[in-house]
Each structure stands twice: as C-alpha cells, then as structure tokens.
PDB file of all heavy atoms in Angstrom:
ATOM      1  N   ARG A   1      50.865  38.454  -4.675  1.00  0.00           N
ATOM      2  CA  ARG A   1      50.660  39.880  -4.472  1.00  0.00           C
ATOM      3  C   ARG A   1      51.801  40.464  -3.643  1.00  0.00           C
ATOM      4  O   ARG A   1      52.431  39.750  -2.862  1.00  0.00           O
ATOM      5  CB  ARG A   1      49.345  40.128  -3.718  1.00  0.00           C
ATOM      6  CG  ARG A   1      48.103  40.081  -4.555  1.00  0.00           C
ATOM      7  CD  ARG A   1      47.009  39.262  -3.890  1.00  0.00           C
ATOM      8  NE  ARG A   1      47.372  37.857  -3.881  1.00  0.00           N
ATOM      9  CZ  ARG A   1      47.206  37.047  -2.825  1.00  0.00           C
ATOM     10  NH1 ARG A   1      46.686  37.507  -1.714  1.00  0.00           N
ATOM     11  NH2 ARG A   1      47.559  35.770  -2.899  1.00  0.00           N
ATOM     12  N   ALA A   2      52.043  41.740  -3.834  1.00  0.00           N
ATOM     13  CA  ALA A   2      53.016  42.468  -3.026  1.00  0.00           C
ATOM     14  C   ALA A   2      52.462  43.858  -2.773  1.00  0.00           C
ATOM     15  O   ALA A   2      52.030  44.538  -3.703  1.00  0.00           O
ATOM     16  CB  ALA A   2      54.364  42.556  -3.732  1.00  0.00           C
ATOM     17  N   ASP A   3      52.455  44.265  -1.505  1.00  0.00           N
ATOM     18  CA  ASP A   3      52.087  45.635  -1.139  1.00  0.00           C
ATOM     19  C   ASP A   3      53.371  46.413  -0.920  1.00  0.00           C
ATOM     20  O   ASP A   3      54.219  46.014  -0.113  1.00  0.00           O
ATOM     21  CB  ASP A   3      51.260  45.664   0.143  1.00  0.00           C
ATOM     22  CG  ASP A   3      49.861  45.104  -0.035  1.00  0.00           C
ATOM     23  OD1 ASP A   3      49.662  44.308  -0.972  1.00  0.00           O
ATOM     24  OD2 ASP A   3      48.980  45.443   0.774  1.00  0.00           O
ATOM     25  N   ILE A   4      53.514  47.507  -1.641  1.00  0.00           N
ATOM     26  CA  ILE A   4      54.696  48.355  -1.488  1.00  0.00           C
ATOM     27  C   ILE A   4      54.247  49.784  -1.214  1.00  0.00           C
ATOM     28  O   ILE A   4      53.133  50.177  -1.575  1.00  0.00           O
ATOM     29  CB  ILE A   4      55.613  48.304  -2.729  1.00  0.00           C
ATOM     30  CG1 ILE A   4      54.934  48.969  -3.933  1.00  0.00           C
ATOM     31  CG2 ILE A   4      56.010  46.868  -3.064  1.00  0.00           C
ATOM     32  CD1 ILE A   4      55.864  49.129  -5.157  1.00  0.00           C
ATOM     33  N   VAL A   5      55.111  50.562  -0.564  1.00  0.00           N
ATOM     34  CA  VAL A   5      54.849  51.984  -0.332  1.00  0.00           C
ATOM     35  C   VAL A   5      55.945  52.786  -1.024  1.00  0.00           C
ATOM     36  O   VAL A   5      57.139  52.563  -0.769  1.00  0.00           O
ATOM     37  CB  VAL A   5      54.792  52.317   1.161  1.00  0.00           C
ATOM     38  CG1 VAL A   5      54.629  53.826   1.356  1.00  0.00           C
ATOM     39  CG2 VAL A   5      53.637  51.584   1.835  1.00  0.00           C
ATOM     40  N   VAL A   6      55.524  53.688  -1.908  1.00  0.00           N
ATOM     41  CA  VAL A   6      56.438  54.558  -2.640  1.00  0.00           C
ATOM     42  C   VAL A   6      56.199  55.986  -2.170  1.00  0.00           C
ATOM     43  O   VAL A   6      55.049  56.441  -2.125  1.00  0.00           O
ATOM     44  CB  VAL A   6      56.215  54.457  -4.164  1.00  0.00           C
ATOM     45  CG1 VAL A   6      57.175  55.377  -4.915  1.00  0.00           C
ATOM     46  CG2 VAL A   6      56.373  53.013  -4.630  1.00  0.00           C
ATOM     47  N   ASP A   7      57.270  56.688  -1.838  1.00  0.00           N
ATOM     48  CA  ASP A   7      57.172  58.083  -1.395  1.00  0.00           C
ATOM     49  C   ASP A   7      57.604  58.981  -2.553  1.00  0.00           C
ATOM     50  O   ASP A   7      58.788  59.059  -2.892  1.00  0.00           O
ATOM     51  CB  ASP A   7      58.060  58.308  -0.179  1.00  0.00           C
ATOM     52  CG  ASP A   7      57.818  59.662   0.468  1.00  0.00           C
ATOM     53  OD1 ASP A   7      57.115  60.500  -0.138  1.00  0.00           O
ATOM     54  OD2 ASP A   7      58.331  59.877   1.584  1.00  0.00           O
ATOM     55  N   PHE A   8      56.624  59.661  -3.159  1.00  0.00           N
ATOM     56  CA  PHE A   8      56.902  60.535  -4.301  1.00  0.00           C
ATOM     57  C   PHE A   8      57.318  61.945  -3.879  1.00  0.00           C
ATOM     58  O   PHE A   8      57.581  62.796  -4.736  1.00  0.00           O
ATOM     59  CB  PHE A   8      55.674  60.613  -5.214  1.00  0.00           C
ATOM     60  CG  PHE A   8      55.338  59.320  -5.895  1.00  0.00           C
ATOM     61  CD1 PHE A   8      54.289  58.523  -5.446  1.00  0.00           C
ATOM     62  CD2 PHE A   8      56.071  58.879  -6.987  1.00  0.00           C
ATOM     63  CE1 PHE A   8      53.965  57.336  -6.075  1.00  0.00           C
ATOM     64  CE2 PHE A   8      55.761  57.692  -7.636  1.00  0.00           C
ATOM     65  CZ  PHE A   8      54.714  56.916  -7.173  1.00  0.00           C
ATOM     66  N   SER A   9      57.360  62.212  -2.571  1.00  0.00           N
ATOM     67  CA  SER A   9      57.709  63.572  -2.123  1.00  0.00           C
ATOM     68  C   SER A   9      59.173  63.900  -2.396  1.00  0.00           C
ATOM     69  O   SER A   9      59.562  65.067  -2.344  1.00  0.00           O
ATOM     70  CB  SER A   9      57.404  63.726  -0.634  1.00  0.00           C
ATOM     71  OG  SER A   9      58.250  62.897   0.145  1.00  0.00           O
ATOM     72  N   ALA A  10      59.988  62.890  -2.673  1.00  0.00           N
ATOM     73  CA  ALA A  10      61.411  63.125  -2.930  1.00  0.00           C
ATOM     74  C   ALA A  10      61.685  63.595  -4.351  1.00  0.00           C
ATOM     75  O   ALA A  10      62.841  63.899  -4.682  1.00  0.00           O
ATOM     76  CB  ALA A  10      62.191  61.834  -2.656  1.00  0.00           C
ATOM     77  N   TYR A  11      60.635  63.677  -5.196  1.00  0.00           N
ATOM     78  CA  TYR A  11      60.833  64.001  -6.610  1.00  0.00           C
ATOM     79  C   TYR A  11      60.214  65.356  -6.949  1.00  0.00           C
ATOM     80  O   TYR A  11      59.109  65.675  -6.498  1.00  0.00           O
ATOM     81  CB  TYR A  11      60.208  62.911  -7.486  1.00  0.00           C
ATOM     82  CG  TYR A  11      60.761  61.536  -7.190  1.00  0.00           C
ATOM     83  CD1 TYR A  11      60.088  60.673  -6.328  1.00  0.00           C
ATOM     84  CD2 TYR A  11      61.954  61.107  -7.749  1.00  0.00           C
ATOM     85  CE1 TYR A  11      60.587  59.408  -6.041  1.00  0.00           C
ATOM     86  CE2 TYR A  11      62.474  59.848  -7.475  1.00  0.00           C
ATOM     87  CZ  TYR A  11      61.779  59.009  -6.621  1.00  0.00           C
ATOM     88  OH  TYR A  11      62.289  57.754  -6.343  1.00  0.00           O
ATOM     89  N   PRO A  12      60.889  66.163  -7.762  1.00  0.00           N
ATOM     90  CA  PRO A  12      60.344  67.471  -8.149  1.00  0.00           C
ATOM     91  C   PRO A  12      59.065  67.316  -8.976  1.00  0.00           C
ATOM     92  O   PRO A  12      58.840  66.283  -9.613  1.00  0.00           O
ATOM     93  CB  PRO A  12      61.474  68.080  -9.000  1.00  0.00           C
ATOM     94  CG  PRO A  12      62.700  67.304  -8.656  1.00  0.00           C
ATOM     95  CD  PRO A  12      62.243  65.937  -8.308  1.00  0.00           C
ATOM     96  N   PRO A  13      58.213  68.353  -8.989  1.00  0.00           N
ATOM     97  CA  PRO A  13      57.013  68.314  -9.819  1.00  0.00           C
ATOM     98  C   PRO A  13      57.357  68.036 -11.283  1.00  0.00           C
ATOM     99  O   PRO A  13      58.349  68.550 -11.811  1.00  0.00           O
ATOM    100  CB  PRO A  13      56.413  69.716  -9.642  1.00  0.00           C
ATOM    101  CG  PRO A  13      56.939  70.178  -8.326  1.00  0.00           C
ATOM    102  CD  PRO A  13      58.308  69.593  -8.197  1.00  0.00           C
ATOM    103  N   GLY A  14      56.541  67.211 -11.903  1.00  0.00           N
ATOM    104  CA  GLY A  14      56.755  66.860 -13.299  1.00  0.00           C
ATOM    105  C   GLY A  14      57.647  65.644 -13.510  1.00  0.00           C
ATOM    106  O   GLY A  14      57.780  65.159 -14.646  1.00  0.00           O
ATOM    107  N   THR A  15      58.248  65.139 -12.440  1.00  0.00           N
ATOM    108  CA  THR A  15      59.096  63.948 -12.565  1.00  0.00           C
ATOM    109  C   THR A  15      58.267  62.769 -13.059  1.00  0.00           C
ATOM    110  O   THR A  15      57.136  62.566 -12.623  1.00  0.00           O
ATOM    111  CB  THR A  15      59.741  63.596 -11.220  1.00  0.00           C
ATOM    112  OG1 THR A  15      60.555  64.677 -10.788  1.00  0.00           O
ATOM    113  CG2 THR A  15      60.592  62.347 -11.333  1.00  0.00           C
ATOM    114  N   GLU A  16      58.838  61.999 -13.956  1.00  0.00           N
ATOM    115  CA  GLU A  16      58.195  60.790 -14.461  1.00  0.00           C
ATOM    116  C   GLU A  16      58.959  59.567 -13.957  1.00  0.00           C
ATOM    117  O   GLU A  16      60.173  59.467 -14.100  1.00  0.00           O
ATOM    118  CB  GLU A  16      58.151  60.800 -15.990  1.00  0.00           C
ATOM    119  CG  GLU A  16      57.289  61.918 -16.556  1.00  0.00           C
ATOM    120  CD  GLU A  16      57.206  61.886 -18.080  1.00  0.00           C
ATOM    121  OE1 GLU A  16      57.973  61.101 -18.695  1.00  0.00           O
ATOM    122  OE2 GLU A  16      56.387  62.631 -18.640  1.00  0.00           O
ATOM    123  N   LEU A  17      58.220  58.658 -13.349  1.00  0.00           N
ATOM    124  CA  LEU A  17      58.763  57.385 -12.919  1.00  0.00           C
ATOM    125  C   LEU A  17      57.944  56.283 -13.582  1.00  0.00           C
ATOM    126  O   LEU A  17      56.813  56.524 -14.036  1.00  0.00           O
ATOM    127  CB  LEU A  17      58.705  57.225 -11.400  1.00  0.00           C
ATOM    128  CG  LEU A  17      59.461  58.256 -10.560  1.00  0.00           C
ATOM    129  CD1 LEU A  17      58.529  59.380 -10.140  1.00  0.00           C
ATOM    130  CD2 LEU A  17      60.092  57.592  -9.336  1.00  0.00           C
ATOM    131  N   PHE A  18      58.481  55.082 -13.604  1.00  0.00           N
ATOM    132  CA  PHE A  18      57.818  54.004 -14.331  1.00  0.00           C
ATOM    133  C   PHE A  18      57.829  52.720 -13.508  1.00  0.00           C
ATOM    134  O   PHE A  18      58.845  52.364 -12.897  1.00  0.00           O
ATOM    135  CB  PHE A  18      58.520  53.748 -15.668  1.00  0.00           C
ATOM    136  CG  PHE A  18      58.508  54.925 -16.593  1.00  0.00           C
ATOM    137  CD1 PHE A  18      59.519  55.877 -16.539  1.00  0.00           C
ATOM    138  CD2 PHE A  18      57.477  55.102 -17.493  1.00  0.00           C
ATOM    139  CE1 PHE A  18      59.509  56.975 -17.382  1.00  0.00           C
ATOM    140  CE2 PHE A  18      57.462  56.204 -18.337  1.00  0.00           C
ATOM    141  CZ  PHE A  18      58.473  57.141 -18.285  1.00  0.00           C
ATOM    142  N   LEU A  19      56.683  52.051 -13.505  1.00  0.00           N
ATOM    143  CA  LEU A  19      56.631  50.665 -13.050  1.00  0.00           C
ATOM    144  C   LEU A  19      57.083  49.809 -14.223  1.00  0.00           C
ATOM    145  O   LEU A  19      56.489  49.856 -15.305  1.00  0.00           O
ATOM    146  CB  LEU A  19      55.213  50.288 -12.628  1.00  0.00           C
ATOM    147  CG  LEU A  19      54.997  48.831 -12.206  1.00  0.00           C
ATOM    148  CD1 LEU A  19      55.744  48.521 -10.912  1.00  0.00           C
ATOM    149  CD2 LEU A  19      53.516  48.519 -12.058  1.00  0.00           C
ATOM    150  N   THR A  20      58.147  49.029 -14.036  1.00  0.00           N
ATOM    151  CA  THR A  20      58.749  48.293 -15.138  1.00  0.00           C
ATOM    152  C   THR A  20      58.858  46.809 -14.801  1.00  0.00           C
ATOM    153  O   THR A  20      58.869  46.401 -13.635  1.00  0.00           O
ATOM    154  CB  THR A  20      60.158  48.819 -15.463  1.00  0.00           C
ATOM    155  OG1 THR A  20      61.032  48.546 -14.364  1.00  0.00           O
ATOM    156  CG2 THR A  20      60.132  50.319 -15.725  1.00  0.00           C
ATOM    157  N   ASN A  21      58.973  46.014 -15.853  1.00  0.00           N
ATOM    158  CA  ASN A  21      59.216  44.575 -15.737  1.00  0.00           C
ATOM    159  C   ASN A  21      60.508  44.246 -16.471  1.00  0.00           C
ATOM    160  O   ASN A  21      60.677  44.588 -17.634  1.00  0.00           O
ATOM    161  CB  ASN A  21      58.064  43.779 -16.364  1.00  0.00           C
ATOM    162  CG  ASN A  21      58.398  42.301 -16.496  1.00  0.00           C
ATOM    163  OD1 ASN A  21      58.966  41.707 -15.588  1.00  0.00           O
ATOM    164  ND2 ASN A  21      58.059  41.716 -17.631  1.00  0.00           N
ATOM    165  N   ARG A  22      61.427  43.573 -15.789  1.00  0.00           N
ATOM    166  CA  ARG A  22      62.699  43.265 -16.428  1.00  0.00           C
ATOM    167  C   ARG A  22      62.886  41.772 -16.724  1.00  0.00           C
ATOM    168  O   ARG A  22      63.972  41.332 -17.063  1.00  0.00           O
ATOM    169  CB  ARG A  22      63.856  43.770 -15.566  1.00  0.00           C
ATOM    170  CG  ARG A  22      63.885  43.240 -14.150  1.00  0.00           C
ATOM    171  CD  ARG A  22      65.065  43.796 -13.386  1.00  0.00           C
ATOM    172  NE  ARG A  22      65.078  43.303 -12.020  1.00  0.00           N
ATOM    173  CZ  ARG A  22      66.149  43.361 -11.229  1.00  0.00           C
ATOM    174  NH1 ARG A  22      67.273  43.873 -11.677  1.00  0.00           N
ATOM    175  NH2 ARG A  22      66.095  42.899 -10.005  1.00  0.00           N
ATOM    176  N   LEU A  23      61.796  40.992 -16.591  1.00  0.00           N
ATOM    177  CA  LEU A  23      61.877  39.578 -16.928  1.00  0.00           C
ATOM    178  C   LEU A  23      61.336  39.325 -18.331  1.00  0.00           C
ATOM    179  O   LEU A  23      60.289  39.854 -18.698  1.00  0.00           O
ATOM    180  CB  LEU A  23      61.080  38.731 -15.939  1.00  0.00           C
ATOM    181  CG  LEU A  23      61.756  38.307 -14.643  1.00  0.00           C
ATOM    182  CD1 LEU A  23      60.883  37.315 -13.903  1.00  0.00           C
ATOM    183  CD2 LEU A  23      63.133  37.721 -14.894  1.00  0.00           C
ATOM    184  N   GLN A  24      62.001  38.495 -19.074  1.00  0.00           N
ATOM    185  CA  GLN A  24      61.583  38.066 -20.403  1.00  0.00           C
ATOM    186  C   GLN A  24      60.974  36.676 -20.314  1.00  0.00           C
ATOM    187  O   GLN A  24      61.569  35.765 -19.731  1.00  0.00           O
ATOM    188  CB  GLN A  24      62.816  38.038 -21.308  1.00  0.00           C
ATOM    189  CG  GLN A  24      62.589  37.421 -22.687  1.00  0.00           C
ATOM    190  CD  GLN A  24      62.122  38.466 -23.690  1.00  0.00           C
ATOM    191  OE1 GLN A  24      61.114  39.114 -23.458  1.00  0.00           O
ATOM    192  NE2 GLN A  24      62.845  38.615 -24.761  1.00  0.00           N
TER     193      GLN A  24
END
C-alpha cells in the first residue's frame, strides 16, 4: 500500500488528470 496526497487546487476547473500504470 501507499498513501499519497494530491493537491488539485493547482489545476483549473475541468482539468482531467489520470491515475496511470506504466508497467507491462
């Protein structure tokens, strides 16, 4: 497990971000 804190206040309304996986 990993606990992370993401601050979305830096992004304008309507911004789309993604949780992604880059391992195959």
